Each structure stands twice: as C-alpha cells, then as structure tokens.
Amino acid sequence: MKILIVDDSRAMRMIVRRTLRQTGYGKAEMTEASNGLEAMASIRGAMPDLVLCDWNMPEMNGMQLLRTLREEGLNVPFGFVTAEGTAEMRTAAKQAGALFLLSKPFRSKDLEFVLDQVMV
C-alpha cells in the first residue's frame, strides 16, 4: 500500500506518519508532499492507494488538489486531515469526492476508524 501525506507542516507530516504506524499501517510505503503542487507531481509519477491531505496550504490547497485530481479523472482515495472541520467544509469535501475529513488534533483510534471504513 502506498500512502501520500500532504501537509505544509513537516511536524504534522511526521505525526501522521507515526499515527499510521500506530494504527497498523506501518508496512505501507509512505511519501510526503508539502503542498498540492508537489502532491500532483507525486501522484502523476506514482499513483498512491490513499492521499491524506491538509486543507490549508500554500501553492495549491487541499480542496484545489482534490478538484484537480477529479477533473483529470484520477480517482485516488482521498481524505482530509485538517485543523478546521466545520460542517460546511465537511459538506464541500464530500461533494468534491473526499472519503472523510478528520479534524486535528486527532487520536490514533480516530484515524484507524476512518481508514478501516474506507480501506476495504
């Protein structure tokens, strides 16, 4: 399994990586990108099995990344891991094709629960 972690915070990428290991995804091949543009290049180079993405980032934010992926017909499973989680954001994320929106801070069991639902 290949997981792409997209967040402009290096510390947050490390937290997500550590949490993935704690939730049983430690054998996954994990790559990172610090914004949506880097993520697009990475996805075009090697399609991951899952993208875990922040919402607010420079260059290209998470919603722009998701919409660009879908416009290009790239239906990679995509979930948001973000500091903001309003009802409006959750609705917009779902309408754009995100599988989930997990609000920071989150616990390992929260990430495990959403991944168990979508990574069948």
Protein backbone atom coordinates (compact mmCIF):
# COMPACT_ATOMS: atom_id res chain seq x y z
CA MET A 1 0.00 0.00 0.00
CA LYS A 2 1.22 3.50 -0.88
CA ILE A 3 0.09 6.48 1.19
CA LEU A 4 0.83 10.10 0.28
CA ILE A 5 0.82 12.53 3.22
CA VAL A 6 0.29 16.14 2.14
CA ASP A 7 0.76 18.94 4.68
CA ASP A 8 2.77 22.16 4.71
CA SER A 9 3.86 21.39 8.29
CA ARG A 10 6.78 18.97 8.45
CA ALA A 11 5.88 18.25 12.08
CA MET A 12 2.32 17.34 11.13
CA ARG A 13 3.54 15.02 8.36
CA MET A 14 5.69 13.27 10.97
CA ILE A 15 2.71 12.99 13.35
CA VAL A 16 0.51 11.48 10.62
CA ARG A 17 3.29 9.06 9.66
CA ARG A 18 3.76 7.98 13.30
CA THR A 19 -0.01 7.62 13.78
CA LEU A 20 -0.28 5.48 10.66
CA ARG A 21 2.36 3.16 12.12
CA GLN A 22 0.43 3.01 15.41
CA THR A 23 -2.79 2.08 13.61
CA GLY A 24 -1.36 -0.89 11.75
CA TYR A 25 -0.28 0.83 8.53
CA GLY A 26 3.42 0.72 9.37
CA LYS A 27 4.24 -1.50 6.40
CA ALA A 28 2.73 1.00 3.97
CA GLU A 29 5.08 2.90 1.70
CA MET A 30 4.64 6.50 2.86
CA THR A 31 5.65 9.51 0.82
CA GLU A 32 5.23 13.18 1.59
CA ALA A 33 4.45 16.47 -0.13
CA SER A 34 4.38 19.95 1.41
CA ASN A 35 1.65 21.38 -0.83
CA GLY A 36 -0.84 20.47 -3.54
CA LEU A 37 1.53 21.15 -6.43
CA GLU A 38 4.12 18.75 -5.03
CA ALA A 39 1.35 16.24 -4.39
CA MET A 40 0.11 16.45 -8.00
CA ALA A 41 3.62 15.77 -9.29
CA SER A 42 3.97 12.83 -6.91
CA ILE A 43 0.57 11.37 -7.83
CA ARG A 44 1.26 11.69 -11.55
CA GLY A 45 4.58 9.92 -11.03
CA ALA A 46 3.28 7.05 -8.92
CA MET A 47 -0.39 6.72 -8.04
CA PRO A 48 -0.81 6.15 -4.31
CA ASP A 49 -3.52 3.99 -2.77
CA LEU A 50 -4.52 6.82 -0.44
CA VAL A 51 -3.93 10.56 -0.07
CA LEU A 52 -4.13 12.13 3.41
CA CYS A 53 -4.19 15.87 2.90
CA ASP A 54 -4.32 19.11 4.85
CA TRP A 55 -6.86 21.71 3.72
CA ASN A 56 -4.91 24.97 4.02
CA MET A 57 -1.52 25.02 2.29
CA PRO A 58 0.46 27.41 0.10
CA GLU A 59 0.78 26.97 -3.68
CA MET A 60 -2.30 24.73 -4.03
CA ASN A 61 -4.60 23.95 -1.11
CA GLY A 62 -6.17 20.59 -0.40
CA MET A 63 -9.53 21.34 -1.99
CA GLN A 64 -7.84 22.59 -5.17
CA LEU A 65 -5.76 19.40 -5.22
CA LEU A 66 -8.82 17.20 -4.83
CA ARG A 67 -10.76 19.04 -7.54
CA THR A 68 -7.78 18.90 -9.92
CA LEU A 69 -7.41 15.17 -9.34
CA ARG A 70 -11.08 14.55 -10.08
CA GLU A 71 -11.05 16.83 -13.16
CA GLU A 72 -8.15 14.77 -14.51
CA GLY A 73 -10.02 11.53 -13.83
CA LEU A 74 -7.65 10.48 -11.06
CA ASN A 75 -9.92 8.77 -8.54
CA VAL A 76 -7.33 8.04 -5.86
CA PRO A 77 -8.93 7.60 -2.42
CA PHE A 78 -8.60 10.97 -0.68
CA GLY A 79 -9.15 12.11 2.90
CA PHE A 80 -8.60 15.40 4.67
CA VAL A 81 -6.66 15.66 7.93
CA THR A 82 -7.03 19.31 8.83
CA ALA A 83 -7.24 21.77 11.71
CA GLU A 84 -10.61 23.03 10.57
CA GLY A 85 -13.65 20.83 10.38
CA THR A 86 -16.77 22.91 10.02
CA ALA A 87 -20.00 21.39 8.74
CA GLU A 88 -19.61 23.46 5.56
CA MET A 89 -16.10 22.11 4.99
CA ARG A 90 -17.26 18.54 5.56
CA THR A 91 -20.06 19.00 3.03
CA ALA A 92 -17.75 20.61 0.47
CA ALA A 93 -15.16 17.86 0.94
CA LYS A 94 -17.73 15.12 0.46
CA GLN A 95 -19.22 16.80 -2.61
CA ALA A 96 -15.74 17.10 -4.13
CA GLY A 97 -15.10 13.40 -3.61
CA ALA A 98 -13.24 13.16 -0.29
CA LEU A 99 -13.90 10.00 1.69
CA PHE A 100 -13.57 11.73 5.05
CA LEU A 101 -12.47 14.84 6.90
CA LEU A 102 -10.64 14.20 10.16
CA SER A 103 -10.07 17.22 12.39
CA LYS A 104 -6.76 17.92 14.12
CA PRO A 105 -5.87 17.15 16.79
CA PHE A 106 -6.91 13.55 16.34
CA ARG A 107 -6.22 10.33 18.20
CA SER A 108 -4.75 7.24 16.60
CA LYS A 109 -8.06 5.42 17.10
CA ASP A 110 -9.84 8.22 15.16
CA LEU A 111 -7.54 7.74 12.17
CA GLU A 112 -7.79 3.97 12.48
CA PHE A 113 -11.60 4.17 12.47
CA VAL A 114 -11.84 6.27 9.29
CA LEU A 115 -9.21 4.21 7.48
CA ASP A 116 -10.94 0.96 8.41
CA GLN A 117 -14.12 2.38 6.86
CA VAL A 118 -12.55 3.39 3.55
CA MET A 119 -9.64 1.00 3.01
CA VAL A 120 -11.64 -2.15 2.47
